[in-house]
């Protein structure tokens, strides 16, 4: 569920940036955090599936 929400957040940030509600510096700062979070969540999901 968290992974889905992180992906949705990334989608909305991209949309806001392309509609010029976010400046490039704001977008780049936030999107890099979201992408890192997505990587962490993916790793957690893979690890938890392997342990079952």
Protein backbone atom coordinates (compact mmCIF):
# COMPACT_ATOMS: atom_id res chain seq x y z
CA UNK A 1 0.00 0.00 0.00
CA UNK A 2 2.79 2.46 0.83
CA UNK A 3 4.53 1.77 -2.49
CA UNK A 4 1.32 2.59 -4.36
CA UNK A 5 0.96 5.86 -2.45
CA UNK A 6 4.58 6.81 -3.10
CA UNK A 7 4.08 6.16 -6.82
CA UNK A 8 0.93 8.27 -6.78
CA UNK A 9 2.78 11.08 -5.03
CA UNK A 10 5.48 10.95 -7.70
CA UNK A 11 2.80 11.15 -10.40
CA UNK A 12 1.15 14.21 -8.84
CA UNK A 13 4.50 15.96 -8.35
CA UNK A 14 5.33 15.45 -12.01
CA UNK A 15 1.93 16.79 -12.99
CA UNK A 16 2.33 19.85 -10.76
CA UNK A 17 5.77 20.51 -12.25
CA UNK A 18 4.56 20.21 -15.85
CA UNK A 19 1.64 22.53 -15.08
CA UNK A 20 4.19 24.99 -13.63
CA UNK A 21 2.83 24.94 -10.08
CA UNK A 22 6.30 23.88 -8.89
CA UNK A 23 9.59 25.47 -9.87
CA UNK A 24 12.39 23.25 -11.12
CA UNK A 25 14.38 23.56 -7.89
CA UNK A 26 11.38 22.60 -5.78
CA UNK A 27 10.49 19.71 -8.05
CA UNK A 28 14.03 18.34 -8.23
CA UNK A 29 14.41 18.42 -4.47
CA UNK A 30 11.11 16.69 -3.76
CA UNK A 31 11.20 14.18 -6.62
CA UNK A 32 14.63 12.88 -5.64
CA UNK A 33 13.32 12.20 -2.12
CA UNK A 34 10.25 10.40 -3.48
CA UNK A 35 12.35 8.29 -5.86
CA UNK A 36 14.65 7.29 -3.03
CA UNK A 37 11.64 6.39 -0.91
CA UNK A 38 10.29 4.25 -3.77
CA UNK A 39 13.60 2.37 -3.95
CA UNK A 40 13.57 1.74 -0.20
CA UNK A 41 9.97 0.54 -0.25
CA UNK A 42 10.65 -1.77 -3.20
CA UNK A 43 13.60 -3.26 -1.35
CA UNK A 44 11.51 -3.82 1.78
CA UNK A 45 8.78 -5.52 -0.26
CA UNK A 46 11.26 -7.83 -2.01
CA UNK A 47 12.99 -8.74 1.25
CA UNK A 48 9.71 -9.43 3.05
CA UNK A 49 8.51 -11.67 0.19
CA UNK A 50 11.78 -13.62 0.25
CA UNK A 51 11.45 -14.29 3.98
CA UNK A 52 7.98 -15.84 3.68
